[in-house]
Amino acid sequence: MVMFEPGTGKALQIPANVRTFHEVELIQDEDAALAANIYTDWRRAGGAEPSYNQCIGYKKPLFLNGKDEIDNLELWDIDIYWHLMGQILVQTKDLPHGSSVQVNLS
């Protein structure tokens, strides 16, 4: 099974099938599978619980040198987040390390 994380731009190989992912991996290692610790920190810092069509995503994605910190997180519409992160990743993946990238989402 492969799990794609749009904020990091990484595809992670999960040593499970769909069934064992849900019945074993999510239970035994929920932090690795769901970033449960980050979610807990987000909520403790006053972050809102996402609704069904929302996700907690990076303001500046990690693949653009964003920081893996609560201050770099915000609520997103999940469809918009996946679409934008996918487009940004595709357009920046072949740039040399350290390239300057400007993204204006306003």
PDB file of N, CA and C in Angstrom:
ATOM      1  N   MET A   1       0.846  -1.159   0.000  1.00  0.00           N
ATOM      2  CA  MET A   1       0.000   0.000   0.000  1.00  0.00           C
ATOM      3  C   MET A   1       0.901   1.235   0.000  1.00  0.00           C
ATOM      4  N   VAL A   2       0.475   2.284  -0.680  1.00  0.00           N
ATOM      5  CA  VAL A   2       1.220   3.532  -0.730  1.00  0.00           C
ATOM      6  C   VAL A   2       0.333   4.641  -0.181  1.00  0.00           C
ATOM      7  N   MET A   3       0.912   5.474   0.681  1.00  0.00           N
ATOM      8  CA  MET A   3       0.183   6.609   1.240  1.00  0.00           C
ATOM      9  C   MET A   3       0.910   7.876   0.813  1.00  0.00           C
ATOM     10  N   PHE A   4       0.197   8.770   0.158  1.00  0.00           N
ATOM     11  CA  PHE A   4       0.786  10.027  -0.286  1.00  0.00           C
ATOM     12  C   PHE A   4       0.474  11.113   0.720  1.00  0.00           C
ATOM     13  N   GLU A   5       1.494  11.891   1.090  1.00  0.00           N
ATOM     14  CA  GLU A   5       1.339  12.998   2.038  1.00  0.00           C
ATOM     15  C   GLU A   5       1.613  14.288   1.279  1.00  0.00           C
ATOM     16  N   PRO A   6       0.564  15.059   0.937  1.00  0.00           N
ATOM     17  CA  PRO A   6       0.755  16.221   0.083  1.00  0.00           C
ATOM     18  C   PRO A   6       1.609  17.330   0.689  1.00  0.00           C
ATOM     19  N   GLY A   7       1.646  17.463   1.985  1.00  0.00           N
ATOM     20  CA  GLY A   7       2.437  18.529   2.604  1.00  0.00           C
ATOM     21  C   GLY A   7       3.935  18.286   2.551  1.00  0.00           C
ATOM     22  N   THR A   8       4.308  17.006   2.504  1.00  0.00           N
ATOM     23  CA  THR A   8       5.730  16.677   2.404  1.00  0.00           C
ATOM     24  C   THR A   8       6.126  16.361   0.976  1.00  0.00           C
ATOM     25  N   GLY A   9       5.138  16.036   0.159  1.00  0.00           N
ATOM     26  CA  GLY A   9       5.426  15.657  -1.217  1.00  0.00           C
ATOM     27  C   GLY A   9       5.992  14.249  -1.320  1.00  0.00           C
ATOM     28  N   LYS A  10       5.768  13.428  -0.322  1.00  0.00           N
ATOM     29  CA  LYS A  10       6.337  12.081  -0.302  1.00  0.00           C
ATOM     30  C   LYS A  10       5.250  11.019  -0.407  1.00  0.00           C
ATOM     31  N   ALA A  11       5.604   9.941  -1.099  1.00  0.00           N
ATOM     32  CA  ALA A  11       4.778   8.745  -1.147  1.00  0.00           C
ATOM     33  C   ALA A  11       5.445   7.729  -0.228  1.00  0.00           C
ATOM     34  N   LEU A  12       4.702   7.245   0.733  1.00  0.00           N
ATOM     35  CA  LEU A  12       5.249   6.334   1.737  1.00  0.00           C
ATOM     36  C   LEU A  12       4.749   4.916   1.502  1.00  0.00           C
ATOM     37  N   GLN A  13       5.673   3.980   1.426  1.00  0.00           N
ATOM     38  CA  GLN A  13       5.324   2.571   1.272  1.00  0.00           C
ATOM     39  C   GLN A  13       4.885   2.032   2.632  1.00  0.00           C
ATOM     40  N   ILE A  14       3.666   1.548   2.725  1.00  0.00           N
ATOM     41  CA  ILE A  14       3.120   1.003   3.965  1.00  0.00           C
ATOM     42  C   ILE A  14       3.122  -0.523   3.836  1.00  0.00           C
ATOM     43  N   PRO A  15       3.772  -1.224   4.774  1.00  0.00           N
ATOM     44  CA  PRO A  15       3.838  -2.683   4.674  1.00  0.00           C
ATOM     45  C   PRO A  15       2.524  -3.337   5.117  1.00  0.00           C
ATOM     46  N   ALA A  16       1.461  -3.064   4.377  1.00  0.00           N
ATOM     47  CA  ALA A  16       0.142  -3.588   4.729  1.00  0.00           C
ATOM     48  C   ALA A  16      -0.746  -3.534   3.498  1.00  0.00           C
ATOM     49  N   ASN A  17      -1.836  -4.258   3.564  1.00  0.00           N
ATOM     50  CA  ASN A  17      -2.876  -4.094   2.553  1.00  0.00           C
ATOM     51  C   ASN A  17      -3.943  -3.184   3.161  1.00  0.00           C
ATOM     52  N   VAL A  18      -4.998  -2.902   2.434  1.00  0.00           N
ATOM     53  CA  VAL A  18      -6.014  -1.977   2.936  1.00  0.00           C
ATOM     54  C   VAL A  18      -6.611  -2.468   4.251  1.00  0.00           C
ATOM     55  N   ARG A  19      -6.888  -3.735   4.332  1.00  0.00           N
ATOM     56  CA  ARG A  19      -7.496  -4.278   5.555  1.00  0.00           C
ATOM     57  C   ARG A  19      -6.560  -4.163   6.751  1.00  0.00           C
ATOM     58  N   THR A  20      -5.316  -4.636   6.622  1.00  0.00           N
ATOM     59  CA  THR A  20      -4.401  -4.590   7.762  1.00  0.00           C
ATOM     60  C   THR A  20      -3.991  -3.158   8.091  1.00  0.00           C
ATOM     61  N   PHE A  21      -4.012  -2.281   7.101  1.00  0.00           N
ATOM     62  CA  PHE A  21      -3.747  -0.871   7.397  1.00  0.00           C
ATOM     63  C   PHE A  21      -4.790  -0.339   8.369  1.00  0.00           C
ATOM     64  N   HIS A  22      -6.062  -0.613   8.094  1.00  0.00           N
ATOM     65  CA  HIS A  22      -7.141  -0.119   8.951  1.00  0.00           C
ATOM     66  C   HIS A  22      -7.254  -0.877  10.268  1.00  0.00           C
ATOM     67  N   GLU A  23      -7.009  -2.158  10.244  1.00  0.00           N
ATOM     68  CA  GLU A  23      -7.201  -2.965  11.448  1.00  0.00           C
ATOM     69  C   GLU A  23      -5.968  -3.052  12.342  1.00  0.00           C
ATOM     70  N   VAL A  24      -4.781  -2.810  11.785  1.00  0.00           N
ATOM     71  CA  VAL A  24      -3.556  -2.957  12.572  1.00  0.00           C
ATOM     72  C   VAL A  24      -2.760  -1.656  12.633  1.00  0.00           C
ATOM     73  N   GLU A  25      -2.330  -1.151  11.480  1.00  0.00           N
ATOM     74  CA  GLU A  25      -1.435   0.009  11.447  1.00  0.00           C
ATOM     75  C   GLU A  25      -2.048   1.242  12.120  1.00  0.00           C
ATOM     76  N   LEU A  26      -3.300   1.545  11.822  1.00  0.00           N
ATOM     77  CA  LEU A  26      -3.936   2.727  12.407  1.00  0.00           C
ATOM     78  C   LEU A  26      -4.094   2.610  13.914  1.00  0.00           C
ATOM     79  N   ILE A  27      -4.166   1.394  14.412  1.00  0.00           N
ATOM     80  CA  ILE A  27      -4.344   1.182  15.848  1.00  0.00           C
ATOM     81  C   ILE A  27      -3.000   1.106  16.559  1.00  0.00           C
ATOM     82  N   GLN A  28      -2.057   0.358  15.993  1.00  0.00           N
ATOM     83  CA  GLN A  28      -0.778   0.152  16.664  1.00  0.00           C
ATOM     84  C   GLN A  28       0.187   1.313  16.509  1.00  0.00           C
ATOM     85  N   ASP A  29       0.062   2.071  15.416  1.00  0.00           N
ATOM     86  CA  ASP A  29       1.006   3.169  15.190  1.00  0.00           C
ATOM     87  C   ASP A  29       0.276   4.367  14.598  1.00  0.00           C
ATOM     88  N   GLU A  30      -0.716   4.869  15.346  1.00  0.00           N
ATOM     89  CA  GLU A  30      -1.558   5.947  14.827  1.00  0.00           C
ATOM     90  C   GLU A  30      -0.785   7.235  14.567  1.00  0.00           C
ATOM     91  N   ASP A  31       0.288   7.486  15.304  1.00  0.00           N
ATOM     92  CA  ASP A  31       1.044   8.707  15.049  1.00  0.00           C
ATOM     93  C   ASP A  31       1.727   8.653  13.696  1.00  0.00           C
ATOM     94  N   ALA A  32       2.358   7.540  13.371  1.00  0.00           N
ATOM     95  CA  ALA A  32       3.021   7.417  12.069  1.00  0.00           C
ATOM     96  C   ALA A  32       2.009   7.458  10.928  1.00  0.00           C
ATOM     97  N   ALA A  33       0.865   6.835  11.127  1.00  0.00           N
ATOM     98  CA  ALA A  33      -0.136   6.756  10.067  1.00  0.00           C
ATOM     99  C   ALA A  33      -0.968   8.026   9.931  1.00  0.00           C
ATOM    100  N   LEU A  34      -1.241   8.698  11.049  1.00  0.00           N
ATOM    101  CA  LEU A  34      -2.190   9.816  11.034  1.00  0.00           C
ATOM    102  C   LEU A  34      -1.647  11.123  11.612  1.00  0.00           C
ATOM    103  N   ALA A  35      -0.380  11.146  11.991  1.00  0.00           N
ATOM    104  CA  ALA A  35       0.197  12.328  12.649  1.00  0.00           C
ATOM    105  C   ALA A  35      -0.646  12.717  13.866  1.00  0.00           C
ATOM    106  N   ALA A  36      -1.009  11.719  14.647  1.00  0.00           N
ATOM    107  CA  ALA A  36      -1.887  11.925  15.805  1.00  0.00           C
ATOM    108  C   ALA A  36      -1.294  12.902  16.814  1.00  0.00           C
ATOM    109  N   ASN A  37       0.008  12.867  17.025  1.00  0.00           N
ATOM    110  CA  ASN A  37       0.636  13.784  17.981  1.00  0.00           C
ATOM    111  C   ASN A  37       0.541  15.234  17.513  1.00  0.00           C
ATOM    112  N   ILE A  38       0.725  15.447  16.225  1.00  0.00           N
ATOM    113  CA  ILE A  38       0.611  16.809  15.686  1.00  0.00           C
ATOM    114  C   ILE A  38      -0.824  17.303  15.827  1.00  0.00           C
ATOM    115  N   TYR A  39      -1.791  16.426  15.566  1.00  0.00           N
ATOM    116  CA  TYR A  39      -3.194  16.793  15.719  1.00  0.00           C
ATOM    117  C   TYR A  39      -3.487  17.186  17.171  1.00  0.00           C
ATOM    118  N   THR A  40      -2.977  16.409  18.120  1.00  0.00           N
ATOM    119  CA  THR A  40      -3.173  16.721  19.542  1.00  0.00           C
ATOM    120  C   THR A  40      -2.569  18.074  19.873  1.00  0.00           C
ATOM    121  N   ASP A  41      -1.357  18.331  19.399  1.00  0.00           N
ATOM    122  CA  ASP A  41      -0.701  19.625  19.641  1.00  0.00           C
ATOM    123  C   ASP A  41      -1.496  20.769  19.002  1.00  0.00           C
ATOM    124  N   TRP A  42      -2.015  20.549  17.798  1.00  0.00           N
ATOM    125  CA  TRP A  42      -2.825  21.540  17.085  1.00  0.00           C
ATOM    126  C   TRP A  42      -4.052  21.917  17.912  1.00  0.00           C
ATOM    127  N   ARG A  43      -4.759  20.903  18.412  1.00  0.00           N
ATOM    128  CA  ARG A  43      -5.967  21.157  19.191  1.00  0.00           C
ATOM    129  C   ARG A  43      -5.638  21.856  20.510  1.00  0.00           C
ATOM    130  N   ARG A  44      -4.563  21.438  21.180  1.00  0.00           N
ATOM    131  CA  ARG A  44      -4.163  22.074  22.440  1.00  0.00           C
ATOM    132  C   ARG A  44      -3.785  23.534  22.234  1.00  0.00           C
ATOM    133  N   ALA A  45      -3.281  23.868  21.059  1.00  0.00           N
ATOM    134  CA  ALA A  45      -2.891  25.245  20.749  1.00  0.00           C
ATOM    135  C   ALA A  45      -4.083  26.086  20.305  1.00  0.00           C
ATOM    136  N   GLY A  46      -5.285  25.493  20.310  1.00  0.00           N
ATOM    137  CA  GLY A  46      -6.483  26.240  19.946  1.00  0.00           C
ATOM    138  C   GLY A  46      -6.935  26.029  18.520  1.00  0.00           C
ATOM    139  N   GLY A  47      -6.281  25.122  17.806  1.00  0.00           N
ATOM    140  CA  GLY A  47      -6.685  24.840  16.434  1.00  0.00           C
ATOM    141  C   GLY A  47      -8.043  24.167  16.385  1.00  0.00           C
ATOM    142  N   ALA A  48      -8.815  24.518  15.386  1.00  0.00           N
ATOM    143  CA  ALA A  48     -10.175  23.980  15.247  1.00  0.00           C
ATOM    144  C   ALA A  48     -10.154  22.536  14.761  1.00  0.00           C
ATOM    145  N   GLU A  49     -11.167  21.800  15.147  1.00  0.00           N
ATOM    146  CA  GLU A  49     -11.339  20.445  14.644  1.00  0.00           C
ATOM    147  C   GLU A  49     -11.827  20.537  13.201  1.00  0.00           C
ATOM    148  N   PRO A  50     -11.149  19.870  12.278  1.00  0.00           N
ATOM    149  CA  PRO A  50     -11.594  19.962  10.885  1.00  0.00           C
ATOM    150  C   PRO A  50     -12.930  19.263  10.671  1.00  0.00           C
ATOM    151  N   SER A  51     -13.742  19.832   9.797  1.00  0.00           N
ATOM    152  CA  SER A  51     -14.992  19.179   9.416  1.00  0.00           C
ATOM    153  C   SER A  51     -14.677  18.094   8.379  1.00  0.00           C
ATOM    154  N   TYR A  52     -15.701  17.418   7.928  1.00  0.00           N
ATOM    155  CA  TYR A  52     -15.544  16.302   6.988  1.00  0.00           C
ATOM    156  C   TYR A  52     -14.773  16.696   5.731  1.00  0.00           C
ATOM    157  N   ASN A  53     -14.992  17.911   5.233  1.00  0.00           N
ATOM    158  CA  ASN A  53     -14.371  18.323   3.972  1.00  0.00           C
ATOM    159  C   ASN A  53     -13.142  19.203   4.188  1.00  0.00           C
ATOM    160  N   GLN A  54     -12.567  19.170   5.372  1.00  0.00           N
ATOM    161  CA  GLN A  54     -11.384  19.961   5.680  1.00  0.00           C
ATOM    162  C   GLN A  54     -10.230  19.068   6.109  1.00  0.00           C
ATOM    163  N   CYS A  55      -9.044  19.657   6.053  1.00  0.00           N
ATOM    164  CA  CYS A  55      -7.855  18.996   6.590  1.00  0.00           C
ATOM    165  C   CYS A  55      -6.993  20.065   7.250  1.00  0.00           C
ATOM    166  N   ILE A  56      -6.055  19.625   8.053  1.00  0.00           N
ATOM    167  CA  ILE A  56      -5.069  20.523   8.631  1.00  0.00           C
ATOM    168  C   ILE A  56      -3.836  20.383   7.750  1.00  0.00           C
ATOM    169  N   GLY A  57      -3.477  21.453   7.080  1.00  0.00           N
ATOM    170  CA  GLY A  57      -2.365  21.390   6.144  1.00  0.00           C
ATOM    171  C   GLY A  57      -1.354  22.480   6.403  1.00  0.00           C
ATOM    172  N   TYR A  58      -0.239  22.361   5.735  1.00  0.00           N
ATOM    173  CA  TYR A  58       0.841  23.328   5.888  1.00  0.00           C
ATOM    174  C   TYR A  58       0.561  24.606   5.113  1.00  0.00           C
ATOM    175  N   LYS A  59       0.837  25.746   5.746  1.00  0.00           N
ATOM    176  CA  LYS A  59       0.793  27.030   5.050  1.00  0.00           C
ATOM    177  C   LYS A  59       1.902  27.047   4.008  1.00  0.00           C
ATOM    178  N   LYS A  60       3.089  26.667   4.427  1.00  0.00           N
ATOM    179  CA  LYS A  60       4.239  26.515   3.538  1.00  0.00           C
ATOM    180  C   LYS A  60       4.632  25.048   3.603  1.00  0.00           C
ATOM    181  N   PRO A  61       4.440  24.300   2.512  1.00  0.00           N
ATOM    182  CA  PRO A  61       4.692  22.860   2.557  1.00  0.00           C
ATOM    183  C   PRO A  61       6.143  22.533   2.902  1.00  0.00           C
ATOM    184  N   LEU A  62       6.324  21.381   3.506  1.00  0.00           N
ATOM    185  CA  LEU A  62       7.664  20.953   3.899  1.00  0.00           C
ATOM    186  C   LEU A  62       8.580  20.806   2.690  1.00  0.00           C
ATOM    187  N   PHE A  63       8.018  20.416   1.535  1.00  0.00           N
ATOM    188  CA  PHE A  63       8.863  20.257   0.353  1.00  0.00           C
ATOM    189  C   PHE A  63       9.342  21.597  -0.211  1.00  0.00           C
ATOM    190  N   LEU A  64       8.836  22.710   0.340  1.00  0.00           N
ATOM    191  CA  LEU A  64       9.347  24.052   0.003  1.00  0.00           C
ATOM    192  C   LEU A  64      10.046  24.663   1.222  1.00  0.00           C
ATOM    193  N   ASN A  65      10.578  23.800   2.064  1.00  0.00           N
ATOM    194  CA  ASN A  65      11.307  24.194   3.275  1.00  0.00           C
ATOM    195  C   ASN A  65      10.426  24.827   4.346  1.00  0.00           C
ATOM    196  N   GLY A  66       9.142  24.504   4.340  1.00  0.00           N
ATOM    197  CA  GLY A  66       8.285  24.917   5.442  1.00  0.00           C
ATOM    198  C   GLY A  66       8.680  24.171   6.702  1.00  0.00           C
ATOM    199  N   LYS A  67       8.298  24.707   7.833  1.00  0.00           N
ATOM    200  CA  LYS A  67       8.649  24.097   9.111  1.00  0.00           C
ATOM    201  C   LYS A  67       7.525  23.185   9.593  1.00  0.00           C
ATOM    202  N   ASP A  68       7.911  22.073  10.185  1.00  0.00           N
ATOM    203  CA  ASP A  68       6.947  21.124  10.727  1.00  0.00           C
ATOM    204  C   ASP A  68       6.575  21.568  12.140  1.00  0.00           C
ATOM    205  N   GLU A  69       5.854  22.696  12.201  1.00  0.00           N
ATOM    206  CA  GLU A  69       5.479  23.315  13.464  1.00  0.00           C
ATOM    207  C   GLU A  69       4.015  23.729  13.414  1.00  0.00           C
ATOM    208  N   ILE A  70       3.412  23.845  14.574  1.00  0.00           N
ATOM    209  CA  ILE A  70       2.000  24.220  14.673  1.00  0.00           C
ATOM    210  C   ILE A  70       1.730  25.562  13.997  1.00  0.00           C
ATOM    211  N   ASP A  71       2.653  26.509  14.124  1.00  0.00           N
ATOM    212  CA  ASP A  71       2.456  27.830  13.510  1.00  0.00           C
ATOM    213  C   ASP A  71       2.413  27.781  11.990  1.00  0.00           C
ATOM    214  N   ASN A  72       2.858  26.676  11.402  1.00  0.00           N
ATOM    215  CA  ASN A  72       2.845  26.528   9.945  1.00  0.00           C
ATOM    216  C   ASN A  72       1.644  25.703   9.477  1.00  0.00           C
ATOM    217  N   LEU A  73       0.670  25.501  10.342  1.00  0.00           N
ATOM    218  CA  LEU A  73      -0.518  24.736   9.991  1.00  0.00           C
ATOM    219  C   LEU A  73      -1.752  25.624   9.964  1.00  0.00           C
ATOM    220  N   GLU A  74      -2.708  25.235   9.133  1.00  0.00           N
ATOM    221  CA  GLU A  74      -3.999  25.924   9.085  1.00  0.00           C
ATOM    222  C   GLU A  74      -5.038  24.980   8.507  1.00  0.00           C
ATOM    223  N   LEU A  75      -6.303  25.317   8.723  1.00  0.00           N
ATOM    224  CA  LEU A  75      -7.392  24.538   8.134  1.00  0.00           C
ATOM    225  C   LEU A  75      -7.503  24.839   6.648  1.00  0.00           C
ATOM    226  N   TRP A  76      -7.694  23.801   5.879  1.00  0.00           N
ATOM    227  CA  TRP A  76      -7.860  23.918   4.434  1.00  0.00           C
ATOM    228  C   TRP A  76      -9.106  23.139   4.013  1.00  0.00           C
ATOM    229  N   ASP A  77      -9.713  23.552   2.931  1.00  0.00           N
ATOM    230  CA  ASP A  77     -10.661  22.691   2.233  1.00  0.00           C
ATOM    231  C   ASP A  77      -9.809  21.557   1.667  1.00  0.00           C
ATOM    232  N   ILE A  78     -10.198  20.324   1.927  1.00  0.00           N
ATOM    233  CA  ILE A  78      -9.341  19.196   1.565  1.00  0.00           C
ATOM    234  C   ILE A  78      -9.113  19.079   0.055  1.00  0.00           C
ATOM    235  N   ASP A  79     -10.133  19.357  -0.748  1.00  0.00           N
ATOM    236  CA  ASP A  79      -9.969  19.276  -2.201  1.00  0.00           C
ATOM    237  C   ASP A  79      -8.999  20.340  -2.708  1.00  0.00           C
ATOM    238  N   ILE A  80      -9.114  21.540  -2.182  1.00  0.00           N
ATOM    239  CA  ILE A  80      -8.214  22.627  -2.590  1.00  0.00           C
ATOM    240  C   ILE A  80      -6.788  22.323  -2.164  1.00  0.00           C
ATOM    241  N   TYR A  81      -6.613  21.828  -0.931  1.00  0.00           N
ATOM    242  CA  TYR A  81      -5.265  21.519  -0.440  1.00  0.00           C
ATOM    243  C   TYR A  81      -4.587  20.478  -1.319  1.00  0.00           C
ATOM    244  N   TRP A  82      -5.262  19.367  -1.585  1.00  0.00           N
ATOM    245  CA  TRP A  82      -4.680  18.321  -2.418  1.00  0.00           C
ATOM    246  C   TRP A  82      -4.377  18.849  -3.813  1.00  0.00           C
ATOM    247  N   HIS A  83      -5.293  19.622  -4.386  1.00  0.00           N
ATOM    248  CA  HIS A  83      -5.087  20.148  -5.733  1.00  0.00           C
ATOM    249  C   HIS A  83      -3.884  21.096  -5.779  1.00  0.00           C
ATOM    250  N   LEU A  84      -3.845  22.068  -4.866  1.00  0.00           N
ATOM    251  CA  LEU A  84      -2.746  23.038  -4.867  1.00  0.00           C
ATOM    252  C   LEU A  84      -1.405  22.391  -4.557  1.00  0.00           C
ATOM    253  N   MET A  85      -1.361  21.538  -3.548  1.00  0.00           N
ATOM    254  CA  MET A  85      -0.085  20.890  -3.205  1.00  0.00           C
ATOM    255  C   MET A  85       0.397  20.033  -4.363  1.00  0.00           C
ATOM    256  N   GLY A  86      -0.525  19.336  -5.020  1.00  0.00           N
ATOM    257  CA  GLY A  86      -0.153  18.523  -6.184  1.00  0.00           C
ATOM    258  C   GLY A  86       0.415  19.372  -7.304  1.00  0.00           C
ATOM    259  N   GLN A  87      -0.247  20.496  -7.604  1.00  0.00           N
ATOM    260  CA  GLN A  87       0.229  21.385  -8.666  1.00  0.00           C
ATOM    261  C   GLN A  87       1.590  21.998  -8.324  1.00  0.00           C
ATOM    262  N   ILE A  88       1.733  22.452  -7.089  1.00  0.00           N
ATOM    263  CA  ILE A  88       3.010  23.062  -6.670  1.00  0.00           C
ATOM    264  C   ILE A  88       4.119  22.022  -6.709  1.00  0.00           C
ATOM    265  N   LEU A  89       3.844  20.825  -6.241  1.00  0.00           N
ATOM    266  CA  LEU A  89       4.855  19.764  -6.242  1.00  0.00           C
ATOM    267  C   LEU A  89       5.287  19.429  -7.670  1.00  0.00           C
ATOM    268  N   VAL A  90       4.340  19.261  -8.556  1.00  0.00           N
ATOM    269  CA  VAL A  90       4.657  18.937  -9.948  1.00  0.00           C
ATOM    270  C   VAL A  90       5.518  20.037 -10.578  1.00  0.00           C
ATOM    271  N   GLN A  91       5.192  21.287 -10.289  1.00  0.00           N
ATOM    272  CA  GLN A  91       5.897  22.397 -10.915  1.00  0.00           C
ATOM    273  C   GLN A  91       7.253  22.696 -10.281  1.00  0.00           C
ATOM    274  N   THR A  92       7.530  22.158  -9.097  1.00  0.00           N
ATOM    275  CA  THR A  92       8.798  22.458  -8.423  1.00  0.00           C
ATOM    276  C   THR A  92       9.708  21.248  -8.253  1.00  0.00           C
ATOM    277  N   LYS A  93       9.235  20.053  -8.544  1.00  0.00           N
ATOM    278  CA  LYS A  93       9.989  18.842  -8.216  1.00  0.00           C
ATOM    279  C   LYS A  93      11.342  18.740  -8.910  1.00  0.00           C
ATOM    280  N   ASP A  94      11.504  19.330 -10.065  1.00  0.00           N
ATOM    281  CA  ASP A  94      12.765  19.218 -10.799  1.00  0.00           C
ATOM    282  C   ASP A  94      13.685  20.427 -10.616  1.00  0.00           C
ATOM    283  N   LEU A  95      13.280  21.372  -9.772  1.00  0.00           N
ATOM    284  CA  LEU A  95      14.134  22.539  -9.534  1.00  0.00           C
ATOM    285  C   LEU A  95      15.344  22.145  -8.692  1.00  0.00           C
ATOM    286  N   PRO A  96      16.482  22.781  -8.922  1.00  0.00           N
ATOM    287  CA  PRO A  96      17.649  22.504  -8.082  1.00  0.00           C
ATOM    288  C   PRO A  96      17.370  22.877  -6.630  1.00  0.00           C
ATOM    289  N   HIS A  97      17.950  22.111  -5.697  1.00  0.00           N
ATOM    290  CA  HIS A  97      17.793  22.382  -4.275  1.00  0.00           C
ATOM    291  C   HIS A  97      18.207  23.821  -3.984  1.00  0.00           C
ATOM    292  N   GLY A  98      17.402  24.516  -3.215  1.00  0.00           N
ATOM    293  CA  GLY A  98      17.691  25.901  -2.848  1.00  0.00           C
ATOM    294  C   GLY A  98      17.126  26.935  -3.804  1.00  0.00           C
ATOM    295  N   SER A  99      16.435  26.489  -4.848  1.00  0.00           N
ATOM    296  CA  SER A  99      15.819  27.429  -5.785  1.00  0.00           C
ATOM    297  C   SER A  99      14.794  28.284  -5.079  1.00  0.00           C
ATOM    298  N   SER A 100      14.694  29.522  -5.493  1.00  0.00           N
ATOM    299  CA  SER A 100      13.699  30.432  -4.932  1.00  0.00           C
ATOM    300  C   SER A 100      12.359  30.180  -5.628  1.00  0.00           C
ATOM    301  N   VAL A 101      11.307  30.032  -4.823  1.00  0.00           N
ATOM    302  CA  VAL A 101       9.972  29.788  -5.355  1.00  0.00           C
ATOM    303  C   VAL A 101       9.023  30.762  -4.674  1.00  0.00           C
ATOM    304  N   GLN A 102       8.198  31.427  -5.466  1.00  0.00           N
ATOM    305  CA  GLN A 102       7.188  32.313  -4.893  1.00  0.00           C
ATOM    306  C   GLN A 102       5.812  31.786  -5.283  1.00  0.00           C
ATOM    307  N   VAL A 103       4.967  31.642  -4.279  1.00  0.00           N
ATOM    308  CA  VAL A 103       3.597  31.167  -4.499  1.00  0.00           C
ATOM    309  C   VAL A 103       2.676  32.189  -3.847  1.00  0.00           C
ATOM    310  N   ASN A 104       1.735  32.710  -4.610  1.00  0.00           N
ATOM    311  CA  ASN A 104       0.766  33.662  -4.080  1.00  0.00           C
ATOM    312  C   ASN A 104      -0.607  33.029  -4.153  1.00  0.00           C
ATOM    313  N   LEU A 105      -1.172  32.745  -2.991  1.00  0.00           N
ATOM    314  CA  LEU A 105      -2.485  32.094  -2.951  1.00  0.00           C
ATOM    315  C   LEU A 105      -3.624  33.066  -2.687  1.00  0.00           C
ATOM    316  N   SER A 106      -3.339  34.355  -2.685  1.00  0.00           N
ATOM    317  CA  SER A 106      -4.424  35.305  -2.389  1.00  0.00           C
ATOM    318  C   SER A 106      -5.186  35.696  -3.634  1.00  0.00           C
TER     319      SER A 106
END
